[in-house]
């Protein structure tokens, strides 16, 4: 099979597209003929040899990638049920192996792809989608909310913005660069601003009297400026810091501004009833029903290095996937 192999940690150029033996499913495993493999910003961190959230750097050489969708084409010993031929999506966790034409996974981790959902949308749901469900659970968006979404042009940001619009809220997206802001507006946000412009908070104040909910995945100065736009009784839901620094929030902020703050990822998400698998099931169900609608930016599998580079340089919009 063709796959992306990595022999050393480092820059995107360490991802090599080459021929490698097909994997064989072991006990209780199946092999998936991959139609789409998800790319996550965490993948770029792991590629450099750093821990990516709960995932430690792998032993080398390795095939990266933790999200795949496709059809089961082989089953190992002990596999129960009629899996061969079924279209499935699966999060591979720390095992990796997704940037390839074939990947193996335990049968207990598989989800059937709902009718009407294609492989690229399904793979967007198994990682990014499950995170969106956890964030939306923490946010409890109301129709009268004015929602500000940071990193609004990313795969997660677009999912959250779309969900907020479908809930009836007013949506303000902020993102790095005017072309991205224009895309966010074109995809349904009421307003979108370039957070690279120093006056973006004032531009927000010019169009709304107050923000009631911030969904923040950027952190740093952007997350702090967004927090300071909140009206009393407003809330911020934090789920990451792509800027490299978490949003600075103190107890004094909560008292003096009259706001609340919650971290949606980490222990809170792990404590979701039914765990991560339940979040995955919810994400797939909501996508099939049209409640979560991922925007996809696809690259050929052989261009994984280019996909990583574009993702790190904030040149992508929507969920990045690789197509064998």
C-alpha atoms as a PDB file:
ATOM      1  CA  UNK A   1       0.000   0.000   0.000  1.00  0.00           C
ATOM      2  CA  UNK A   2       0.961   3.666  -0.252  1.00  0.00           C
ATOM      3  CA  UNK A   3       1.315   5.470   3.058  1.00  0.00           C
ATOM      4  CA  UNK A   4       2.963   8.398   4.794  1.00  0.00           C
ATOM      5  CA  UNK A   5       5.975   7.259   6.806  1.00  0.00           C
ATOM      6  CA  UNK A   6       7.986   9.275   9.291  1.00  0.00           C
ATOM      7  CA  UNK A   7      11.520   8.267  10.263  1.00  0.00           C
ATOM      8  CA  UNK A   8      12.629  11.374  12.204  1.00  0.00           C
ATOM      9  CA  UNK A   9      10.815  14.106  14.099  1.00  0.00           C
ATOM     10  CA  UNK A  10      10.837  17.572  12.623  1.00  0.00           C
ATOM     11  CA  UNK A  11       9.457  19.710   9.821  1.00  0.00           C
ATOM     12  CA  UNK A  12       6.676  18.684   7.407  1.00  0.00           C
ATOM     13  CA  UNK A  13       9.344  17.311   5.051  1.00  0.00           C
ATOM     14  CA  UNK A  14       9.842  14.406   7.462  1.00  0.00           C
ATOM     15  CA  UNK A  15       6.542  12.983   6.139  1.00  0.00           C
ATOM     16  CA  UNK A  16       7.484  10.619   3.286  1.00  0.00           C
ATOM     17  CA  UNK A  17       5.006   9.170   0.786  1.00  0.00           C
ATOM     18  CA  UNK A  18       6.128   5.656  -0.042  1.00  0.00           C
ATOM     19  CA  UNK A  19       5.244   2.021  -0.570  1.00  0.00           C
ATOM     20  CA  UNK A  20       4.928  -0.048   2.612  1.00  0.00           C
ATOM     21  CA  UNK A  21       3.498  -3.504   3.407  1.00  0.00           C
ATOM     22  CA  UNK A  22      -0.245  -3.782   3.940  1.00  0.00           C
ATOM     23  CA  UNK A  23      -1.175  -4.140   7.624  1.00  0.00           C
ATOM     24  CA  UNK A  24      -2.881  -7.349   8.716  1.00  0.00           C
ATOM     25  CA  UNK A  25      -5.612  -7.277  11.367  1.00  0.00           C
ATOM     26  CA  UNK A  26      -4.763  -9.085  14.608  1.00  0.00           C
ATOM     27  CA  UNK A  27      -7.212 -10.653  17.057  1.00  0.00           C
ATOM     28  CA  UNK A  28     -10.409  -8.603  17.356  1.00  0.00           C
ATOM     29  CA  UNK A  29      -9.205  -6.132  14.721  1.00  0.00           C
ATOM     30  CA  UNK A  30     -10.441  -5.215  11.260  1.00  0.00           C
ATOM     31  CA  UNK A  31      -8.680  -3.596   8.334  1.00  0.00           C
ATOM     32  CA  UNK A  32     -10.223  -0.507   6.767  1.00  0.00           C
ATOM     33  CA  UNK A  33      -9.695   0.527   3.147  1.00  0.00           C
ATOM     34  CA  UNK A  34      -9.256   4.227   3.859  1.00  0.00           C
ATOM     35  CA  UNK A  35     -11.348   6.711   1.880  1.00  0.00           C
ATOM     36  CA  UNK A  36     -10.522   9.734   4.048  1.00  0.00           C
ATOM     37  CA  UNK A  37      -8.010  10.392   6.824  1.00  0.00           C
ATOM     38  CA  UNK A  38      -8.405  13.345   9.164  1.00  0.00           C
ATOM     39  CA  UNK A  39      -5.587  15.814   9.843  1.00  0.00           C
ATOM     40  CA  UNK A  40      -5.562  17.622  13.180  1.00  0.00           C
ATOM     41  CA  UNK A  41      -3.335  20.418  14.494  1.00  0.00           C
ATOM     42  CA  UNK A  42      -2.249  17.950  17.199  1.00  0.00           C
ATOM     43  CA  UNK A  43      -0.770  15.813  14.398  1.00  0.00           C
ATOM     44  CA  UNK A  44       1.674  18.609  13.614  1.00  0.00           C
ATOM     45  CA  UNK A  45       2.768  18.769  17.248  1.00  0.00           C
ATOM     46  CA  UNK A  46       3.327  15.005  17.371  1.00  0.00           C
ATOM     47  CA  UNK A  47       5.260  15.196  14.082  1.00  0.00           C
ATOM     48  CA  UNK A  48       7.767  17.484  15.814  1.00  0.00           C
ATOM     49  CA  UNK A  49       8.351  14.912  18.568  1.00  0.00           C
ATOM     50  CA  UNK A  50       6.243  16.664  21.193  1.00  0.00           C
ATOM     51  CA  UNK A  51       3.290  15.325  23.139  1.00  0.00           C
ATOM     52  CA  UNK A  52      -0.015  16.204  21.511  1.00  0.00           C
ATOM     53  CA  UNK A  53      -2.518  16.449  24.350  1.00  0.00           C
ATOM     54  CA  UNK A  54      -2.975  12.900  25.670  1.00  0.00           C
ATOM     55  CA  UNK A  55      -0.860  11.406  22.854  1.00  0.00           C
ATOM     56  CA  UNK A  56       2.874  10.887  23.485  1.00  0.00           C
ATOM     57  CA  UNK A  57       5.400  11.016  20.628  1.00  0.00           C
ATOM     58  CA  UNK A  58       5.334   7.637  18.856  1.00  0.00           C
ATOM     59  CA  UNK A  59       8.199   5.243  18.327  1.00  0.00           C
ATOM     60  CA  UNK A  60       9.801   5.704  14.922  1.00  0.00           C
ATOM     61  CA  UNK A  61       9.342   4.878  12.124  1.00  0.00           C
ATOM     62  CA  UNK A  62       5.610   5.484  12.221  1.00  0.00           C
ATOM     63  CA  UNK A  63       2.566   6.123  10.061  1.00  0.00           C
ATOM     64  CA  UNK A  64       0.803   9.207  11.515  1.00  0.00           C
ATOM     65  CA  UNK A  65      -2.920   9.892  11.641  1.00  0.00           C
ATOM     66  CA  UNK A  66      -5.669   9.014  14.130  1.00  0.00           C
ATOM     67  CA  UNK A  67      -8.940   9.463  12.191  1.00  0.00           C
ATOM     68  CA  UNK A  68     -10.041   7.281   9.253  1.00  0.00           C
ATOM     69  CA  UNK A  69     -13.189   6.389   7.368  1.00  0.00           C
ATOM     70  CA  UNK A  70     -13.752   3.765   4.690  1.00  0.00           C
ATOM     71  CA  UNK A  71     -14.947   0.216   4.109  1.00  0.00           C
ATOM     72  CA  UNK A  72     -13.867  -2.828   6.125  1.00  0.00           C
ATOM     73  CA  UNK A  73     -12.014  -5.158   3.768  1.00  0.00           C
ATOM     74  CA  UNK A  74     -10.633  -7.821   6.162  1.00  0.00           C
ATOM     75  CA  UNK A  75     -11.280  -9.137   9.671  1.00  0.00           C
ATOM     76  CA  UNK A  76      -8.880 -10.737  12.116  1.00  0.00           C
ATOM     77  CA  UNK A  77      -9.477 -13.800  14.310  1.00  0.00           C
ATOM     78  CA  UNK A  78     -12.187 -13.369  16.898  1.00  0.00           C
ATOM     79  CA  UNK A  79     -14.035 -10.611  15.086  1.00  0.00           C
ATOM     80  CA  UNK A  80     -17.765 -11.040  15.484  1.00  0.00           C
ATOM     81  CA  UNK A  81     -20.453  -9.806  13.122  1.00  0.00           C
ATOM     82  CA  UNK A  82     -20.576  -9.081   9.422  1.00  0.00           C
ATOM     83  CA  UNK A  83     -17.997  -6.288   9.340  1.00  0.00           C
ATOM     84  CA  UNK A  84     -16.405  -6.894   5.893  1.00  0.00           C
ATOM     85  CA  UNK A  85     -17.960  -4.498   3.380  1.00  0.00           C
ATOM     86  CA  UNK A  86     -19.410  -2.199   6.039  1.00  0.00           C
ATOM     87  CA  UNK A  87     -18.575   1.513   5.773  1.00  0.00           C
ATOM     88  CA  UNK A  88     -17.084   2.639   9.062  1.00  0.00           C
ATOM     89  CA  UNK A  89     -15.317   5.520  10.759  1.00  0.00           C
ATOM     90  CA  UNK A  90     -12.929   5.178  13.678  1.00  0.00           C
ATOM     91  CA  UNK A  91     -10.635   7.198  15.922  1.00  0.00           C
ATOM     92  CA  UNK A  92      -7.357   5.273  16.190  1.00  0.00           C
ATOM     93  CA  UNK A  93      -6.142   7.047  19.332  1.00  0.00           C
ATOM     94  CA  UNK A  94      -2.468   6.775  20.202  1.00  0.00           C
ATOM     95  CA  UNK A  95      -1.999   3.834  17.832  1.00  0.00           C
ATOM     96  CA  UNK A  96      -2.026   6.054  14.735  1.00  0.00           C
ATOM     97  CA  UNK A  97      -1.620   4.568  11.275  1.00  0.00           C
ATOM     98  CA  UNK A  98      -4.287   6.623   9.518  1.00  0.00           C
ATOM     99  CA  UNK A  99      -2.278   8.340   6.754  1.00  0.00           C
ATOM    100  CA  UNK A 100      -2.400   5.252   4.535  1.00  0.00           C
ATOM    101  CA  UNK A 101      -4.480   3.316   2.045  1.00  0.00           C
ATOM    102  CA  UNK A 102      -5.252   0.729   4.752  1.00  0.00           C
ATOM    103  CA  UNK A 103      -5.473   0.985   8.542  1.00  0.00           C
ATOM    104  CA  UNK A 104      -6.295  -1.509  11.307  1.00  0.00           C
ATOM    105  CA  UNK A 105      -8.524  -0.852  14.301  1.00  0.00           C
ATOM    106  CA  UNK A 106     -10.175  -2.814  17.136  1.00  0.00           C
ATOM    107  CA  UNK A 107     -13.709  -3.809  16.211  1.00  0.00           C
ATOM    108  CA  UNK A 108     -15.009  -2.224  19.428  1.00  0.00           C
ATOM    109  CA  UNK A 109     -13.863   1.206  18.313  1.00  0.00           C
ATOM    110  CA  UNK A 110     -15.735   1.191  14.996  1.00  0.00           C
ATOM    111  CA  UNK A 111     -18.810   3.262  14.170  1.00  0.00           C
ATOM    112  CA  UNK A 112     -21.000   2.563  11.169  1.00  0.00           C
ATOM    113  CA  UNK A 113     -21.181   5.620   8.929  1.00  0.00           C
ATOM    114  CA  UNK A 114     -24.798   6.838   8.955  1.00  0.00           C
ATOM    115  CA  UNK A 115     -26.774   6.703   5.730  1.00  0.00           C
ATOM    116  CA  UNK A 116     -26.248   9.794   3.616  1.00  0.00           C
ATOM    117  CA  UNK A 117     -22.937  10.809   5.233  1.00  0.00           C
ATOM    118  CA  UNK A 118     -19.821  10.562   3.076  1.00  0.00           C
ATOM    119  CA  UNK A 119     -16.410   9.436   4.317  1.00  0.00           C
ATOM    120  CA  UNK A 120     -14.917  12.934   4.500  1.00  0.00           C
ATOM    121  CA  UNK A 121     -17.783  14.280   6.603  1.00  0.00           C
ATOM    122  CA  UNK A 122     -17.692  11.173   8.814  1.00  0.00           C
ATOM    123  CA  UNK A 123     -13.967  11.512   9.476  1.00  0.00           C
ATOM    124  CA  UNK A 124     -14.506  15.169  10.374  1.00  0.00           C
ATOM    125  CA  UNK A 125     -17.016  14.061  13.005  1.00  0.00           C
ATOM    126  CA  UNK A 126     -14.948  11.353  14.685  1.00  0.00           C
ATOM    127  CA  UNK A 127     -12.422  13.836  16.085  1.00  0.00           C
ATOM    128  CA  UNK A 128     -13.346  17.454  15.442  1.00  0.00           C
ATOM    129  CA  UNK A 129     -17.061  16.687  15.621  1.00  0.00           C
ATOM    130  CA  UNK A 130     -16.878  14.926  18.964  1.00  0.00           C
ATOM    131  CA  UNK A 131     -14.991  17.931  20.358  1.00  0.00           C
ATOM    132  CA  UNK A 132     -17.677  20.259  18.986  1.00  0.00           C
ATOM    133  CA  UNK A 133     -20.408  18.245  20.735  1.00  0.00           C
ATOM    134  CA  UNK A 134     -18.573  18.550  24.053  1.00  0.00           C
ATOM    135  CA  UNK A 135     -18.080  22.298  23.606  1.00  0.00           C
ATOM    136  CA  UNK A 136     -21.715  22.836  22.651  1.00  0.00           C
ATOM    137  CA  UNK A 137     -22.796  20.839  25.698  1.00  0.00           C
ATOM    138  CA  UNK A 138     -20.786  23.211  27.893  1.00  0.00           C
ATOM    139  CA  UNK A 139     -21.975  26.314  26.015  1.00  0.00           C
ATOM    140  CA  UNK A 140     -25.744  25.655  26.084  1.00  0.00           C
ATOM    141  CA  UNK A 141     -26.375  28.196  23.299  1.00  0.00           C
ATOM    142  CA  UNK A 142     -29.672  30.083  23.386  1.00  0.00           C
ATOM    143  CA  UNK A 143     -31.513  31.858  20.587  1.00  0.00           C
ATOM    144  CA  UNK A 144     -30.948  35.230  22.290  1.00  0.00           C
ATOM    145  CA  UNK A 145     -27.157  34.738  22.544  1.00  0.00           C
ATOM    146  CA  UNK A 146     -24.593  36.886  20.772  1.00  0.00           C
ATOM    147  CA  UNK A 147     -21.809  34.362  20.183  1.00  0.00           C
ATOM    148  CA  UNK A 148     -18.217  35.280  19.364  1.00  0.00           C
ATOM    149  CA  UNK A 149     -16.149  32.414  17.927  1.00  0.00           C
ATOM    150  CA  UNK A 150     -12.365  32.718  17.758  1.00  0.00           C
ATOM    151  CA  UNK A 151     -10.485  30.731  15.068  1.00  0.00           C
ATOM    152  CA  UNK A 152     -13.798  30.827  13.248  1.00  0.00           C
ATOM    153  CA  UNK A 153     -12.411  29.641   9.893  1.00  0.00           C
ATOM    154  CA  UNK A 154     -11.017  26.364  11.228  1.00  0.00           C
ATOM    155  CA  UNK A 155     -12.800  23.042  11.079  1.00  0.00           C
ATOM    156  CA  UNK A 156     -13.988  23.326  14.662  1.00  0.00           C
ATOM    157  CA  UNK A 157     -14.767  27.045  14.451  1.00  0.00           C
ATOM    158  CA  UNK A 158     -16.990  26.574  11.408  1.00  0.00           C
ATOM    159  CA  UNK A 159     -18.842  23.716  13.083  1.00  0.00           C
ATOM    160  CA  UNK A 160     -19.470  25.841  16.178  1.00  0.00           C
ATOM    161  CA  UNK A 161     -20.510  28.898  14.169  1.00  0.00           C
ATOM    162  CA  UNK A 162     -22.971  26.846  12.139  1.00  0.00           C
ATOM    163  CA  UNK A 163     -24.432  25.227  15.247  1.00  0.00           C
ATOM    164  CA  UNK A 164     -24.877  28.647  16.884  1.00  0.00           C
ATOM    165  CA  UNK A 165     -26.690  29.991  13.803  1.00  0.00           C
ATOM    166  CA  UNK A 166     -29.002  26.981  13.752  1.00  0.00           C
ATOM    167  CA  UNK A 167     -29.782  27.672  17.424  1.00  0.00           C
ATOM    168  CA  UNK A 168     -30.951  31.157  16.405  1.00  0.00           C
ATOM    169  CA  UNK A 169     -28.019  33.093  17.890  1.00  0.00           C
ATOM    170  CA  UNK A 170     -26.213  36.078  16.398  1.00  0.00           C
ATOM    171  CA  UNK A 171     -22.741  34.884  15.375  1.00  0.00           C
ATOM    172  CA  UNK A 172     -19.530  36.894  15.192  1.00  0.00           C
ATOM    173  CA  UNK A 173     -16.453  35.116  13.849  1.00  0.00           C
ATOM    174  CA  UNK A 174     -12.909  36.342  14.343  1.00  0.00           C
ATOM    175  CA  UNK A 175     -10.035  34.816  12.423  1.00  0.00           C
ATOM    176  CA  UNK A 176      -6.552  35.534  11.149  1.00  0.00           C
ATOM    177  CA  UNK A 177      -6.787  37.473   7.874  1.00  0.00           C
ATOM    178  CA  UNK A 178      -9.508  39.225   5.916  1.00  0.00           C
ATOM    179  CA  UNK A 179      -9.809  36.450   3.268  1.00  0.00           C
ATOM    180  CA  UNK A 180     -10.694  34.008   6.038  1.00  0.00           C
ATOM    181  CA  UNK A 181     -13.107  36.511   7.574  1.00  0.00           C
ATOM    182  CA  UNK A 182     -14.828  36.868   4.196  1.00  0.00           C
ATOM    183  CA  UNK A 183     -15.164  33.078   3.992  1.00  0.00           C
ATOM    184  CA  UNK A 184     -16.663  32.926   7.488  1.00  0.00           C
ATOM    185  CA  UNK A 185     -19.241  35.542   6.482  1.00  0.00           C
ATOM    186  CA  UNK A 186     -19.993  33.659   3.257  1.00  0.00           C
ATOM    187  CA  UNK A 187     -20.624  30.493   5.274  1.00  0.00           C
ATOM    188  CA  UNK A 188     -23.280  32.140   7.416  1.00  0.00           C
ATOM    189  CA  UNK A 189     -21.811  34.208  10.247  1.00  0.00           C
ATOM    190  CA  UNK A 190     -23.584  37.520  10.810  1.00  0.00           C
ATOM    191  CA  UNK A 191     -20.242  39.311  11.160  1.00  0.00           C
ATOM    192  CA  UNK A 192     -16.592  38.323  10.834  1.00  0.00           C
ATOM    193  CA  UNK A 193     -13.434  40.275  11.610  1.00  0.00           C
ATOM    194  CA  UNK A 194      -9.703  39.865  11.164  1.00  0.00           C
ATOM    195  CA  UNK A 195      -8.098  39.537  14.591  1.00  0.00           C
ATOM    196  CA  UNK A 196      -4.744  40.570  13.118  1.00  0.00           C
ATOM    197  CA  UNK A 197      -6.165  44.100  12.952  1.00  0.00           C
ATOM    198  CA  UNK A 198      -5.594  45.908  16.253  1.00  0.00           C
ATOM    199  CA  UNK A 199      -9.036  47.497  16.248  1.00  0.00           C
ATOM    200  CA  UNK A 200     -11.061  44.314  15.863  1.00  0.00           C
ATOM    201  CA  UNK A 201     -12.592  44.521  19.389  1.00  0.00           C
ATOM    202  CA  UNK A 202     -13.891  48.000  18.598  1.00  0.00           C
ATOM    203  CA  UNK A 203     -15.348  46.727  15.333  1.00  0.00           C
ATOM    204  CA  UNK A 204     -17.277  44.150  17.352  1.00  0.00           C
ATOM    205  CA  UNK A 205     -18.546  46.880  19.689  1.00  0.00           C
ATOM    206  CA  UNK A 206     -19.674  48.866  16.660  1.00  0.00           C
ATOM    207  CA  UNK A 207     -22.088  46.130  15.521  1.00  0.00           C
ATOM    208  CA  UNK A 208     -23.412  44.642  18.783  1.00  0.00           C
ATOM    209  CA  UNK A 209     -24.177  46.113  22.187  1.00  0.00           C
ATOM    210  CA  UNK A 210     -22.585  43.173  23.980  1.00  0.00           C
ATOM    211  CA  UNK A 211     -21.373  39.595  23.609  1.00  0.00           C
ATOM    212  CA  UNK A 212     -23.049  36.950  25.764  1.00  0.00           C
ATOM    213  CA  UNK A 213     -20.943  33.899  24.850  1.00  0.00           C
ATOM    214  CA  UNK A 214     -17.342  33.454  23.694  1.00  0.00           C
ATOM    215  CA  UNK A 215     -16.188  30.149  22.211  1.00  0.00           C
ATOM    216  CA  UNK A 216     -12.414  30.429  22.408  1.00  0.00           C
ATOM    217  CA  UNK A 217      -9.872  28.114  20.838  1.00  0.00           C
ATOM    218  CA  UNK A 218      -7.133  30.705  20.269  1.00  0.00           C
ATOM    219  CA  UNK A 219      -6.268  31.924  23.762  1.00  0.00           C
ATOM    220  CA  UNK A 220      -3.562  34.507  24.354  1.00  0.00           C
ATOM    221  CA  UNK A 221      -4.281  38.137  23.526  1.00  0.00           C
ATOM    222  CA  UNK A 222      -7.169  37.243  21.217  1.00  0.00           C
ATOM    223  CA  UNK A 223      -8.908  35.158  23.861  1.00  0.00           C
ATOM    224  CA  UNK A 224      -8.375  37.856  26.464  1.00  0.00           C
ATOM    225  CA  UNK A 225      -9.769  40.596  24.184  1.00  0.00           C
ATOM    226  CA  UNK A 226     -12.787  38.390  23.445  1.00  0.00           C
ATOM    227  CA  UNK A 227     -13.386  37.815  27.156  1.00  0.00           C
ATOM    228  CA  UNK A 228     -13.344  41.575  27.781  1.00  0.00           C
ATOM    229  CA  UNK A 229     -16.156  41.990  25.227  1.00  0.00           C
ATOM    230  CA  UNK A 230     -18.525  39.936  27.400  1.00  0.00           C
ATOM    231  CA  UNK A 231     -21.516  41.615  28.986  1.00  0.00           C
ATOM    232  CA  UNK A 232     -22.310  40.932  32.661  1.00  0.00           C
ATOM    233  CA  UNK A 233     -23.743  37.391  32.951  1.00  0.00           C
ATOM    234  CA  UNK A 234     -21.821  36.460  29.821  1.00  0.00           C
ATOM    235  CA  UNK A 235     -19.725  33.318  29.674  1.00  0.00           C
ATOM    236  CA  UNK A 236     -16.586  32.122  27.946  1.00  0.00           C
ATOM    237  CA  UNK A 237     -16.081  28.495  26.952  1.00  0.00           C
ATOM    238  CA  UNK A 238     -12.406  27.719  26.326  1.00  0.00           C
ATOM    239  CA  UNK A 239     -11.259  24.704  24.352  1.00  0.00           C
ATOM    240  CA  UNK A 240      -7.662  25.373  23.354  1.00  0.00           C
ATOM    241  CA  UNK A 241      -4.920  27.883  22.695  1.00  0.00           C
ATOM    242  CA  UNK A 242      -3.659  27.745  19.116  1.00  0.00           C
ATOM    243  CA  UNK A 243      -1.775  30.975  19.886  1.00  0.00           C
ATOM    244  CA  UNK A 244       0.500  28.974  22.179  1.00  0.00           C
ATOM    245  CA  UNK A 245      -0.834  30.536  25.377  1.00  0.00           C
ATOM    246  CA  UNK A 246      -4.120  29.977  27.242  1.00  0.00           C
ATOM    247  CA  UNK A 247      -6.487  32.874  27.806  1.00  0.00           C
ATOM    248  CA  UNK A 248      -5.602  34.540  31.097  1.00  0.00           C
ATOM    249  CA  UNK A 249      -8.632  34.470  33.410  1.00  0.00           C
ATOM    250  CA  UNK A 250      -8.596  35.248  37.128  1.00  0.00           C
ATOM    251  CA  UNK A 251     -11.124  34.995  39.948  1.00  0.00           C
ATOM    252  CA  UNK A 252     -11.086  38.800  40.002  1.00  0.00           C
ATOM    253  CA  UNK A 253     -12.285  38.791  36.371  1.00  0.00           C
ATOM    254  CA  UNK A 254     -15.237  36.602  37.288  1.00  0.00           C
ATOM    255  CA  UNK A 255     -16.250  38.880  40.152  1.00  0.00           C
ATOM    256  CA  UNK A 256     -15.531  42.281  38.605  1.00  0.00           C
ATOM    257  CA  UNK A 257     -16.931  41.528  35.139  1.00  0.00           C
ATOM    258  CA  UNK A 258     -19.819  39.372  36.359  1.00  0.00           C
ATOM    259  CA  UNK A 259     -18.981  36.583  33.924  1.00  0.00           C
ATOM    260  CA  UNK A 260     -18.383  32.837  34.086  1.00  0.00           C
ATOM    261  CA  UNK A 261     -15.697  30.692  32.476  1.00  0.00           C
ATOM    262  CA  UNK A 262     -15.431  26.984  31.751  1.00  0.00           C
ATOM    263  CA  UNK A 263     -12.812  24.773  30.131  1.00  0.00           C
ATOM    264  CA  UNK A 264     -14.726  22.448  27.827  1.00  0.00           C
ATOM    265  CA  UNK A 265     -11.899  20.030  27.027  1.00  0.00           C
ATOM    266  CA  UNK A 266      -9.874  17.796  29.323  1.00  0.00           C
ATOM    267  CA  UNK A 267     -11.554  16.285  32.408  1.00  0.00           C
ATOM    268  CA  UNK A 268     -14.933  17.870  31.656  1.00  0.00           C
ATOM    269  CA  UNK A 269     -15.133  16.250  28.228  1.00  0.00           C
ATOM    270  CA  UNK A 270     -13.847  12.922  29.511  1.00  0.00           C
ATOM    271  CA  UNK A 271     -16.648  12.988  32.105  1.00  0.00           C
ATOM    272  CA  UNK A 272     -19.348  13.319  29.420  1.00  0.00           C
ATOM    273  CA  UNK A 273     -21.974  10.598  30.025  1.00  0.00           C
ATOM    274  CA  UNK A 274     -20.839   7.582  28.030  1.00  0.00           C
ATOM    275  CA  UNK A 275     -17.364   9.011  27.497  1.00  0.00           C
ATOM    276  CA  UNK A 276     -15.679   9.831  24.214  1.00  0.00           C
ATOM    277  CA  UNK A 277     -17.532   7.117  22.332  1.00  0.00           C
ATOM    278  CA  UNK A 278     -20.842   8.741  23.221  1.00  0.00           C
ATOM    279  CA  UNK A 279     -19.507  12.072  21.924  1.00  0.00           C
ATOM    280  CA  UNK A 280     -18.517  10.368  18.663  1.00  0.00           C
ATOM    281  CA  UNK A 281     -21.967   8.793  18.335  1.00  0.00           C
ATOM    282  CA  UNK A 282     -23.639  12.135  18.960  1.00  0.00           C
ATOM    283  CA  UNK A 283     -21.426  13.889  16.420  1.00  0.00           C
ATOM    284  CA  UNK A 284     -22.212  11.349  13.699  1.00  0.00           C
ATOM    285  CA  UNK A 285     -25.930  11.442  14.522  1.00  0.00           C
ATOM    286  CA  UNK A 286     -26.033  15.236  14.413  1.00  0.00           C
ATOM    287  CA  UNK A 287     -24.109  15.348  11.135  1.00  0.00           C
ATOM    288  CA  UNK A 288     -26.478  12.841   9.551  1.00  0.00           C
ATOM    289  CA  UNK A 289     -29.412  14.999  10.688  1.00  0.00           C
ATOM    290  CA  UNK A 290     -27.799  18.154   9.296  1.00  0.00           C
ATOM    291  CA  UNK A 291     -27.282  19.789  12.699  1.00  0.00           C
ATOM    292  CA  UNK A 292     -23.480  19.705  12.333  1.00  0.00           C
ATOM    293  CA  UNK A 293     -22.252  20.475   8.823  1.00  0.00           C
ATOM    294  CA  UNK A 294     -18.481  20.189   8.378  1.00  0.00           C
ATOM    295  CA  UNK A 295     -16.587  22.243   5.821  1.00  0.00           C
ATOM    296  CA  UNK A 296     -13.819  20.160   4.240  1.00  0.00           C
ATOM    297  CA  UNK A 297     -10.466  21.041   2.685  1.00  0.00           C
ATOM    298  CA  UNK A 298      -9.069  17.911   1.054  1.00  0.00           C
ATOM    299  CA  UNK A 299      -5.522  17.064  -0.030  1.00  0.00           C
ATOM    300  CA  UNK A 300      -4.260  13.930  -1.806  1.00  0.00           C
ATOM    301  CA  UNK A 301      -2.577  11.520   0.610  1.00  0.00           C
ATOM    302  CA  UNK A 302       0.780  12.131  -1.062  1.00  0.00           C
ATOM    303  CA  UNK A 303       0.542  15.821  -0.139  1.00  0.00           C
ATOM    304  CA  UNK A 304       0.410  15.248   3.631  1.00  0.00           C
ATOM    305  CA  UNK A 305       3.486  17.437   4.131  1.00  0.00           C
ATOM    306  CA  UNK A 306       1.792  20.288   2.252  1.00  0.00           C
ATOM    307  CA  UNK A 307      -1.368  19.815   4.352  1.00  0.00           C
ATOM    308  CA  UNK A 308       0.673  20.009   7.565  1.00  0.00           C
ATOM    309  CA  UNK A 309       2.515  23.103   6.394  1.00  0.00           C
ATOM    310  CA  UNK A 310      -0.697  24.878   5.405  1.00  0.00           C
ATOM    311  CA  UNK A 311      -2.364  23.960   8.702  1.00  0.00           C
ATOM    312  CA  UNK A 312       0.556  25.266  10.755  1.00  0.00           C
ATOM    313  CA  UNK A 313       0.673  28.496   8.765  1.00  0.00           C
ATOM    314  CA  UNK A 314      -3.068  29.028   9.257  1.00  0.00           C
ATOM    315  CA  UNK A 315      -3.722  28.835   5.517  1.00  0.00           C
ATOM    316  CA  UNK A 316      -6.493  26.237   5.701  1.00  0.00           C
ATOM    317  CA  UNK A 317     -10.222  26.665   6.172  1.00  0.00           C
ATOM    318  CA  UNK A 318     -12.440  23.926   7.517  1.00  0.00           C
ATOM    319  CA  UNK A 319     -11.465  20.371   8.414  1.00  0.00           C
ATOM    320  CA  UNK A 320      -8.351  19.133   6.622  1.00  0.00           C
ATOM    321  CA  UNK A 321      -8.537  15.582   5.264  1.00  0.00           C
ATOM    322  CA  UNK A 322      -6.240  13.386   3.197  1.00  0.00           C
ATOM    323  CA  UNK A 323      -7.702  11.301   0.368  1.00  0.00           C
ATOM    324  CA  UNK A 324      -5.762   8.182  -0.750  1.00  0.00           C
END
